[in-house]
């Protein structure tokens, strides 16, 4: 047992060291062409094969080979020089899009319940630590989502759709399906897929596309097609620049960066799911698919590792997608016309008096909360105040006479929802 534990520790340490890139060893069986995508419609992509699956856009599982063959329209490019003399070009009509699947469609995991299992004990031994770390970050930031682990190696018993996590040694990259599928999703992991990479893949499973595929990405990112490791794609540079590096056609790895058009649910109000997010975990790093020593996204994220944590934009987009927007700040009280509940929450004070435009609230005695649901932020809430987040605050006129589940010390009353720092000020 001790020997097994030591081996597992060594493997985890090795994976942690190697866990730097979404595409650690780019595939060699690269083909481009047009497909009738079930969500995007007719679109041009680059794909490659991984066992029984087809992968596109670098790390997105299209489906099984049978699924892909059903949707294939034509091949426009292969990297084995079979038909590189006639690349088919097609013009698109750019449309505004957000960077996720539609809200309220069949691609959303029902009730925010994400089922998953490991294909076998080897996969579980190698990746469970990183998988759990990534799940904890998603659940901690989007608490309306819940991951449910199913028995390792079993099938989707009872018709429950499940994400199957598989170890794909030698694959050289991490990949996952986009959104919920009634037939089940796949996450394919190789050595080098660590916590940050799996955080990204869970983003795909939840329904997020790549940030660098937005139609407005070229206005923010500086993509250098000529720095791709497969440039000039078997052509002369002049032909490659004209044929493979444009916004309406692509070849080889260039298809991982060309804009992805289509009509999508418009999240967060503004077009394209809010402002372009340089901190998004769904954005590739600067040297993605680049030749040695070069950058493909010259102003992208750190060149030596993927984004390590969810950005506020990632969190907000998934909250919007699953209908679990964070609570808004409740109305504060007015110290000059105090109508706080006497005598259990009679003081109208500023939780953070030294910040600009502080917001006052009715203060409970330490260890007490209102007689309301713990997540009812119209009645009571906690705040990241300078004194700590142990105190509960209530709305004007609301009594605060219910003992907290754990009423003592700096970790008391943690069951009551804590609002963000923006609720400390008006």
Protein backbone atom coordinates (compact mmCIF):
# COMPACT_ATOMS: atom_id res chain seq x y z
CA UNK A 1 0.00 0.00 0.00
CA UNK A 2 2.83 2.39 0.88
CA UNK A 3 4.51 1.62 -2.45
CA UNK A 4 1.29 2.30 -4.36
CA UNK A 5 0.84 5.59 -2.50
CA UNK A 6 4.43 6.60 -3.32
CA UNK A 7 3.96 5.77 -7.01
CA UNK A 8 0.72 7.77 -7.12
CA UNK A 9 2.44 10.71 -5.42
CA UNK A 10 5.25 10.64 -7.98
CA UNK A 11 2.76 10.50 -10.86
CA UNK A 12 0.79 13.43 -9.44
CA UNK A 13 3.97 15.44 -8.98
CA UNK A 14 5.00 14.70 -12.55
CA UNK A 15 1.59 15.70 -13.86
CA UNK A 16 1.76 18.92 -11.84
CA UNK A 17 5.11 19.80 -13.37
CA UNK A 18 3.97 18.93 -16.89
CA UNK A 19 0.56 20.57 -16.55
CA UNK A 20 1.46 23.66 -18.51
CA UNK A 21 -0.39 23.52 -21.80
CA UNK A 22 -3.76 22.60 -23.24
CA UNK A 23 -1.99 21.17 -26.31
CA UNK A 24 1.24 19.65 -25.09
CA UNK A 25 1.99 17.62 -28.23
CA UNK A 26 -0.05 18.95 -31.18
CA UNK A 27 -1.49 16.15 -33.30
CA UNK A 28 -0.13 15.31 -36.74
CA UNK A 29 -3.29 13.96 -38.41
CA UNK A 30 -4.73 17.44 -39.07
CA UNK A 31 -7.56 17.96 -41.57
CA UNK A 32 -9.68 21.04 -42.34
CA UNK A 33 -13.09 21.24 -43.97
CA UNK A 34 -16.75 22.11 -43.57
CA UNK A 35 -19.27 20.36 -41.34
CA UNK A 36 -22.93 20.77 -40.48
CA UNK A 37 -22.28 21.47 -36.81
CA UNK A 38 -25.31 20.76 -34.57
CA UNK A 39 -24.94 24.15 -32.84
CA UNK A 40 -22.85 26.34 -35.15
CA UNK A 41 -24.51 25.34 -38.43
CA UNK A 42 -22.31 25.03 -41.51
CA UNK A 43 -18.82 26.01 -40.42
CA UNK A 44 -15.18 25.37 -41.23
CA UNK A 45 -13.06 23.58 -38.65
CA UNK A 46 -9.83 21.67 -38.28
CA UNK A 47 -10.11 18.22 -36.74
CA UNK A 48 -8.06 15.20 -35.79
CA UNK A 49 -8.81 11.74 -34.43
CA UNK A 50 -8.29 10.50 -30.89
CA UNK A 51 -9.27 6.86 -30.56
CA UNK A 52 -13.02 6.63 -31.17
CA UNK A 53 -13.48 10.42 -31.02
CA UNK A 54 -13.00 13.41 -33.31
CA UNK A 55 -11.51 16.57 -31.73
CA UNK A 56 -11.68 20.10 -33.18
CA UNK A 57 -10.77 23.65 -32.15
CA UNK A 58 -7.72 22.29 -30.37
CA UNK A 59 -9.41 20.58 -27.44
CA UNK A 60 -13.14 20.27 -28.12
CA UNK A 61 -14.60 16.79 -28.53
CA UNK A 62 -16.94 16.84 -31.55
CA UNK A 63 -18.27 13.36 -30.84
CA UNK A 64 -17.65 9.86 -32.08
CA UNK A 65 -16.25 9.21 -35.54
CA UNK A 66 -19.77 8.15 -36.60
CA UNK A 67 -21.22 11.46 -35.30
CA UNK A 68 -18.62 13.41 -37.23
CA UNK A 69 -18.97 11.42 -40.48
CA UNK A 70 -22.71 12.12 -40.41
CA UNK A 71 -22.07 15.90 -40.34
CA UNK A 72 -19.07 16.14 -42.69
CA UNK A 73 -19.63 18.23 -45.84
CA UNK A 74 -16.20 18.22 -47.48
CA UNK A 75 -12.46 18.22 -46.88
CA UNK A 76 -10.54 21.35 -47.87
CA UNK A 77 -7.08 20.65 -46.48
CA UNK A 78 -4.96 17.88 -45.06
CA UNK A 79 -1.40 18.08 -43.77
CA UNK A 80 -0.32 15.04 -45.75
CA UNK A 81 -0.36 16.96 -49.07
CA UNK A 82 -3.14 14.81 -50.54
CA UNK A 83 -5.36 17.69 -51.63
CA UNK A 84 -3.57 20.90 -50.74
CA UNK A 85 -3.86 22.26 -54.26
CA UNK A 86 -7.51 23.33 -54.07
CA UNK A 87 -8.55 24.86 -50.79
CA UNK A 88 -12.24 25.66 -50.79
CA UNK A 89 -13.09 29.19 -49.60
CA UNK A 90 -16.45 30.24 -48.23
CA UNK A 91 -17.59 33.70 -47.15
CA UNK A 92 -19.50 34.11 -43.90
CA UNK A 93 -21.83 36.88 -42.82
CA UNK A 94 -20.46 37.95 -39.42
CA UNK A 95 -23.08 38.01 -36.68
CA UNK A 96 -22.81 38.95 -33.04
CA UNK A 97 -22.42 36.01 -30.74
CA UNK A 98 -21.68 35.23 -27.15
CA UNK A 99 -19.05 32.68 -26.26
CA UNK A 100 -21.27 29.87 -25.04
CA UNK A 101 -24.13 27.65 -26.05
CA UNK A 102 -27.70 28.96 -25.89
CA UNK A 103 -29.23 29.52 -22.49
CA UNK A 104 -32.29 27.38 -21.82
CA UNK A 105 -31.54 24.80 -24.52
CA UNK A 106 -30.81 21.08 -24.37
CA UNK A 107 -27.10 21.88 -24.08
CA UNK A 108 -27.54 23.03 -20.46
CA UNK A 109 -27.04 20.42 -17.74
CA UNK A 110 -30.51 19.90 -16.22
CA UNK A 111 -30.90 21.69 -12.88
CA UNK A 112 -27.15 22.45 -12.93
CA UNK A 113 -26.34 18.84 -11.96
CA UNK A 114 -23.15 17.65 -13.69
CA UNK A 115 -22.69 13.89 -13.53
CA UNK A 116 -19.25 12.42 -14.12
CA UNK A 117 -17.33 9.19 -13.74
CA UNK A 118 -13.84 7.85 -14.37
CA UNK A 119 -13.56 5.28 -17.15
CA UNK A 120 -11.31 3.07 -14.99
CA UNK A 121 -9.27 3.02 -11.79
CA UNK A 122 -6.08 4.11 -13.59
CA UNK A 123 -7.76 7.30 -14.81
CA UNK A 124 -9.14 7.96 -11.34
CA UNK A 125 -5.75 7.40 -9.68
CA UNK A 126 -3.94 9.73 -12.07
CA UNK A 127 -6.40 12.61 -12.31
CA UNK A 128 -8.85 12.59 -9.40
CA UNK A 129 -6.86 15.14 -7.36
CA UNK A 130 -6.79 17.66 -10.22
CA UNK A 131 -10.38 16.94 -11.19
CA UNK A 132 -11.56 17.58 -7.63
CA UNK A 133 -9.53 20.79 -7.40
CA UNK A 134 -11.10 22.09 -10.61
CA UNK A 135 -14.60 21.08 -9.47
CA UNK A 136 -14.07 22.83 -6.13
CA UNK A 137 -13.18 26.09 -7.90
CA UNK A 138 -16.25 25.93 -10.14
CA UNK A 139 -18.61 25.01 -7.28
CA UNK A 140 -17.09 27.61 -4.97
CA UNK A 141 -17.74 30.36 -7.50
CA UNK A 142 -21.00 29.12 -9.02
CA UNK A 143 -22.75 27.43 -6.07
CA UNK A 144 -25.92 26.65 -8.05
CA UNK A 145 -23.89 23.97 -9.91
CA UNK A 146 -23.33 20.56 -8.38
CA UNK A 147 -20.98 17.78 -9.55
CA UNK A 148 -22.11 14.20 -8.85
CA UNK A 149 -19.54 11.42 -9.09
CA UNK A 150 -20.86 8.12 -10.43
CA UNK A 151 -19.20 4.71 -9.90
CA UNK A 152 -15.89 4.30 -11.69
CA UNK A 153 -16.00 2.13 -14.79
CA UNK A 154 -19.78 1.68 -14.80
CA UNK A 155 -22.05 2.64 -17.64
CA UNK A 156 -24.62 5.44 -17.42
CA UNK A 157 -26.96 3.37 -15.25
CA UNK A 158 -30.61 4.34 -15.22
CA UNK A 159 -30.29 6.53 -18.30
CA UNK A 160 -28.36 9.24 -16.42
CA UNK A 161 -26.20 11.22 -18.86
CA UNK A 162 -22.64 11.34 -17.58
CA UNK A 163 -19.29 12.87 -18.50
CA UNK A 164 -16.81 10.03 -18.80
CA UNK A 165 -13.23 11.02 -17.97
CA UNK A 166 -10.73 8.88 -19.87
CA UNK A 167 -6.97 8.59 -19.76
CA UNK A 168 -5.64 8.89 -23.32
CA UNK A 169 -1.89 8.24 -23.07
CA UNK A 170 0.11 9.59 -25.99
CA UNK A 171 -2.73 11.83 -27.11
CA UNK A 172 -0.69 14.90 -26.20
CA UNK A 173 -3.59 17.19 -25.29
CA UNK A 174 -6.67 17.58 -23.10
CA UNK A 175 -10.14 17.72 -24.70
CA UNK A 176 -13.80 17.77 -23.74
CA UNK A 177 -17.29 17.99 -25.20
CA UNK A 178 -19.27 21.24 -25.38
CA UNK A 179 -22.33 21.35 -23.13
CA UNK A 180 -24.74 18.63 -22.02
CA UNK A 181 -25.50 15.68 -24.28
CA UNK A 182 -28.22 13.15 -23.55
CA UNK A 183 -25.85 10.48 -24.84
CA UNK A 184 -23.10 11.48 -22.43
CA UNK A 185 -20.01 13.68 -22.68
CA UNK A 186 -16.31 12.85 -22.90
CA UNK A 187 -13.23 14.38 -21.28
CA UNK A 188 -9.96 13.00 -22.68
CA UNK A 189 -6.86 13.56 -20.53
CA UNK A 190 -3.21 12.83 -21.11
CA UNK A 191 -0.13 13.35 -18.93
CA UNK A 192 0.25 17.09 -18.49
CA UNK A 193 -3.45 17.78 -17.96
CA UNK A 194 -3.42 19.39 -14.51
CA UNK A 195 -5.83 21.44 -12.43
CA UNK A 196 -5.80 24.53 -14.69
CA UNK A 197 -6.27 22.50 -17.86
CA UNK A 198 -9.16 20.51 -16.35
CA UNK A 199 -10.70 23.78 -15.13
CA UNK A 200 -10.75 24.81 -18.81
CA UNK A 201 -12.22 21.48 -19.92
CA UNK A 202 -15.03 21.73 -17.35
CA UNK A 203 -15.76 25.12 -18.91
CA UNK A 204 -16.36 23.32 -22.19
CA UNK A 205 -18.53 20.69 -20.49
CA UNK A 206 -20.63 23.51 -19.02
CA UNK A 207 -21.06 25.05 -22.46
CA UNK A 208 -18.29 27.64 -22.93
CA UNK A 209 -16.37 28.06 -26.18
CA UNK A 210 -12.91 29.59 -26.55
CA UNK A 211 -12.52 33.29 -25.90
CA UNK A 212 -10.15 33.68 -28.86
CA UNK A 213 -12.86 32.39 -31.24
CA UNK A 214 -15.19 35.36 -30.69
CA UNK A 215 -15.89 37.30 -33.90
CA UNK A 216 -14.48 40.43 -32.27
CA UNK A 217 -11.30 38.68 -31.07
CA UNK A 218 -9.17 40.18 -33.83
CA UNK A 219 -9.91 43.60 -32.38
CA UNK A 220 -8.21 42.59 -29.13
CA UNK A 221 -5.76 39.80 -29.89
CA UNK A 222 -2.81 40.04 -32.26
CA UNK A 223 -2.88 36.67 -34.04
CA UNK A 224 0.16 35.94 -36.19
CA UNK A 225 -0.75 33.12 -38.56
CA UNK A 226 2.81 33.00 -39.90
CA UNK A 227 4.07 31.90 -36.45
CA UNK A 228 2.03 28.68 -36.46
CA UNK A 229 4.14 25.55 -36.37
CA UNK A 230 2.48 24.12 -39.51
CA UNK A 231 2.75 27.33 -41.58
CA UNK A 232 2.78 27.56 -44.64
CA UNK A 233 0.66 24.38 -44.63
CA UNK A 234 2.44 22.80 -47.60
CA UNK A 235 1.92 25.88 -49.80
CA UNK A 236 4.16 28.78 -50.68
CA UNK A 237 3.96 31.59 -48.09
CA UNK A 238 2.11 33.81 -50.57
CA UNK A 239 -0.57 31.18 -51.20
CA UNK A 240 -0.83 30.36 -47.50
CA UNK A 241 -1.27 34.05 -46.56
CA UNK A 242 -3.99 34.51 -49.15
CA UNK A 243 -5.76 31.19 -48.70
CA UNK A 244 -5.28 29.92 -45.16
CA UNK A 245 -4.77 32.95 -42.89
CA UNK A 246 -7.90 34.97 -43.58
CA UNK A 247 -11.09 35.53 -41.60
CA UNK A 248 -13.26 33.52 -43.99
CA UNK A 249 -11.07 30.46 -44.58
CA UNK A 250 -8.34 28.57 -42.76
CA UNK A 251 -5.98 25.62 -42.97
CA UNK A 252 -4.42 23.42 -40.33
CA UNK A 253 -3.88 25.01 -36.95
CA UNK A 254 -5.01 28.42 -38.24
CA UNK A 255 -8.58 27.20 -37.80
CA UNK A 256 -8.06 27.23 -34.02
CA UNK A 257 -7.89 31.05 -34.13
CA UNK A 258 -10.23 32.20 -36.89
CA UNK A 259 -13.47 33.86 -35.72
CA UNK A 260 -16.41 31.59 -35.02
CA UNK A 261 -19.62 33.17 -36.27
CA UNK A 262 -23.20 32.25 -35.55
CA UNK A 263 -26.23 33.42 -33.63
CA UNK A 264 -26.04 32.72 -29.93
CA UNK A 265 -27.72 33.77 -26.74
CA UNK A 266 -26.38 37.23 -25.90
CA UNK A 267 -25.15 37.04 -22.32
CA UNK A 268 -24.60 39.83 -19.83
CA UNK A 269 -26.42 42.44 -21.90
CA UNK A 270 -23.73 43.71 -24.29
CA UNK A 271 -22.92 41.89 -27.51
CA UNK A 272 -20.57 38.90 -27.44
CA UNK A 273 -21.14 37.93 -23.81
CA UNK A 274 -19.66 41.10 -22.35
CA UNK A 275 -16.24 42.60 -22.92
CA UNK A 276 -13.40 40.51 -24.29
CA UNK A 277 -11.80 38.78 -21.32
CA UNK A 278 -7.99 38.53 -21.30
CA UNK A 279 -8.18 36.71 -17.96
CA UNK A 280 -10.62 34.03 -19.10
CA UNK A 281 -9.64 30.43 -18.44
CA UNK A 282 -11.10 29.77 -21.91
CA UNK A 283 -8.37 31.81 -23.64
CA UNK A 284 -5.30 30.07 -25.03
CA UNK A 285 -1.86 31.28 -24.00
CA UNK A 286 0.45 33.25 -26.28
CA UNK A 287 2.49 30.34 -27.65
CA UNK A 288 -0.45 28.05 -28.49
CA UNK A 289 0.31 26.03 -31.65
CA UNK A 290 3.35 28.24 -32.26
CA UNK A 291 6.66 27.29 -33.80
CA UNK A 292 9.48 27.10 -31.21
CA UNK A 293 10.39 30.50 -29.81
CA UNK A 294 7.42 32.27 -31.45
CA UNK A 295 4.01 33.54 -30.36
CA UNK A 296 0.70 33.06 -32.15
CA UNK A 297 -1.18 35.44 -29.80
CA UNK A 298 1.46 38.09 -29.23
CA UNK A 299 -0.54 39.91 -26.55
CA UNK A 300 -2.30 36.90 -25.05
CA UNK A 301 -1.88 35.36 -21.57
CA UNK A 302 1.42 34.29 -20.04
CA UNK A 303 3.43 32.35 -22.59
CA UNK A 304 4.47 29.54 -20.26
CA UNK A 305 1.21 28.47 -18.65
CA UNK A 306 -2.51 28.56 -19.25
CA UNK A 307 -4.74 30.91 -17.21
CA UNK A 308 -4.73 29.34 -13.76
CA UNK A 309 -8.07 30.41 -12.29
CA UNK A 310 -11.59 31.41 -13.31
CA UNK A 311 -11.98 35.07 -14.14
CA UNK A 312 -14.95 37.17 -12.97
CA UNK A 313 -16.14 37.00 -16.57
CA UNK A 314 -16.02 33.19 -16.64
CA UNK A 315 -18.01 33.06 -13.42
CA UNK A 316 -20.59 35.62 -14.55
CA UNK A 317 -21.12 33.89 -17.89
CA UNK A 318 -21.81 30.50 -16.34
CA UNK A 319 -24.02 32.08 -13.68
CA UNK A 320 -26.01 33.71 -16.48
CA UNK A 321 -26.05 30.53 -18.55
CA UNK A 322 -27.48 28.46 -15.69
CA UNK A 323 -29.74 31.16 -14.28
CA UNK A 324 -27.86 31.60 -11.02
CA UNK A 325 -26.84 35.25 -10.99
CA UNK A 326 -25.17 36.32 -7.76
CA UNK A 327 -27.42 38.17 -5.28
CA UNK A 328 -27.65 41.93 -5.68
CA UNK A 329 -26.77 44.30 -2.86
CA UNK A 330 -29.73 44.96 -0.53
CA UNK A 331 -30.77 48.45 0.48
CA UNK A 332 -28.83 49.84 3.41
CA UNK A 333 -30.17 51.73 6.38
CA UNK A 334 -29.97 55.46 7.14
CA UNK A 335 -28.22 56.26 10.46
CA UNK A 336 -30.11 59.57 10.66
CA UNK A 337 -33.53 57.91 10.50
CA UNK A 338 -32.81 54.56 12.07
CA UNK A 339 -35.61 52.06 11.57
CA UNK A 340 -33.59 48.97 12.45
CA UNK A 341 -35.38 46.36 14.54
CA UNK A 342 -35.24 47.05 18.29
CA UNK A 343 -33.76 45.50 20.35
CA UNK A 344 -32.09 42.65 18.40
CA UNK A 345 -30.57 44.66 15.51
CA UNK A 346 -31.02 48.23 16.59
CA UNK A 347 -27.69 49.72 15.42
CA UNK A 348 -27.51 51.22 11.93
CA UNK A 349 -23.75 51.38 11.32
CA UNK A 350 -21.18 51.20 8.52
CA UNK A 351 -19.57 47.73 8.16
CA UNK A 352 -16.60 49.42 6.43
CA UNK A 353 -16.63 53.10 7.49
CA UNK A 354 -13.27 54.09 5.99
CA UNK A 355 -14.03 53.39 2.32
CA UNK A 356 -15.55 55.98 -0.05
CA UNK A 357 -19.36 56.12 0.04
CA UNK A 358 -19.82 53.44 2.71
CA UNK A 359 -23.17 51.66 2.93
CA UNK A 360 -24.81 51.35 6.38
CA UNK A 361 -26.70 48.25 7.54
CA UNK A 362 -28.50 47.00 10.63
CA UNK A 363 -26.04 45.02 12.75
CA UNK A 364 -26.95 41.79 14.52
CA UNK A 365 -25.38 40.72 17.77
CA UNK A 366 -22.48 38.38 17.11
CA UNK A 367 -23.70 34.79 16.71
CA UNK A 368 -27.26 35.64 15.64
CA UNK A 369 -29.16 35.75 12.34
CA UNK A 370 -32.71 36.40 11.15
CA UNK A 371 -35.44 33.75 11.10
CA UNK A 372 -35.14 33.36 7.31
CA UNK A 373 -33.59 31.01 4.78
CA UNK A 374 -29.81 31.27 4.91
CA UNK A 375 -29.66 32.39 1.27
CA UNK A 376 -32.46 34.99 1.57
CA UNK A 377 -30.33 38.09 1.09
CA UNK A 378 -33.40 40.33 1.22
CA UNK A 379 -33.56 39.60 4.97
CA UNK A 380 -29.99 38.91 6.16
CA UNK A 381 -26.47 38.53 4.82
CA UNK A 382 -22.78 38.61 5.71
CA UNK A 383 -20.09 40.98 4.34
CA UNK A 384 -16.29 40.93 3.94
CA UNK A 385 -16.00 43.74 6.50
CA UNK A 386 -12.70 44.78 8.12
CA UNK A 387 -13.75 43.18 11.42
CA UNK A 388 -14.34 39.87 9.64
CA UNK A 389 -17.24 38.13 7.94
CA UNK A 390 -18.69 36.53 11.10
CA UNK A 391 -21.36 39.20 11.72
CA UNK A 392 -24.81 39.01 10.13
CA UNK A 393 -26.51 42.16 8.82
CA UNK A 394 -30.26 42.51 8.36
CA UNK A 395 -32.68 44.73 6.47
CA UNK A 396 -34.48 47.54 8.30
CA UNK A 397 -37.25 46.22 10.53
CA UNK A 398 -36.07 42.60 10.43
CA UNK A 399 -35.46 41.03 13.88
CA UNK A 400 -32.16 39.22 14.44
CA UNK A 401 -33.01 36.75 17.20
CA UNK A 402 -32.09 33.30 15.80
CA UNK A 403 -28.91 31.64 17.01
CA UNK A 404 -26.52 30.71 14.20
CA UNK A 405 -25.64 27.06 13.57
CA UNK A 406 -22.16 27.78 14.95
CA UNK A 407 -22.47 31.01 16.93
CA UNK A 408 -18.95 31.53 18.30
CA UNK A 409 -15.69 32.88 16.93
CA UNK A 410 -14.46 34.25 13.63
CA UNK A 411 -16.05 31.39 11.68
CA UNK A 412 -19.52 31.79 13.15
CA UNK A 413 -22.71 32.15 11.07
CA UNK A 414 -20.99 30.96 7.87
CA UNK A 415 -24.21 29.36 6.68
CA UNK A 416 -25.62 32.82 5.89
CA UNK A 417 -24.78 34.00 2.34
CA UNK A 418 -21.84 36.37 2.13
CA UNK A 419 -22.21 39.19 -0.40
CA UNK A 420 -19.33 40.73 -2.33
CA UNK A 421 -17.19 43.70 -1.32
CA UNK A 422 -19.21 45.91 -3.69
CA UNK A 423 -22.03 45.78 -1.11
CA UNK A 424 -19.85 47.61 1.43
CA UNK A 425 -20.42 50.89 -0.41
CA UNK A 426 -23.17 52.64 -2.35
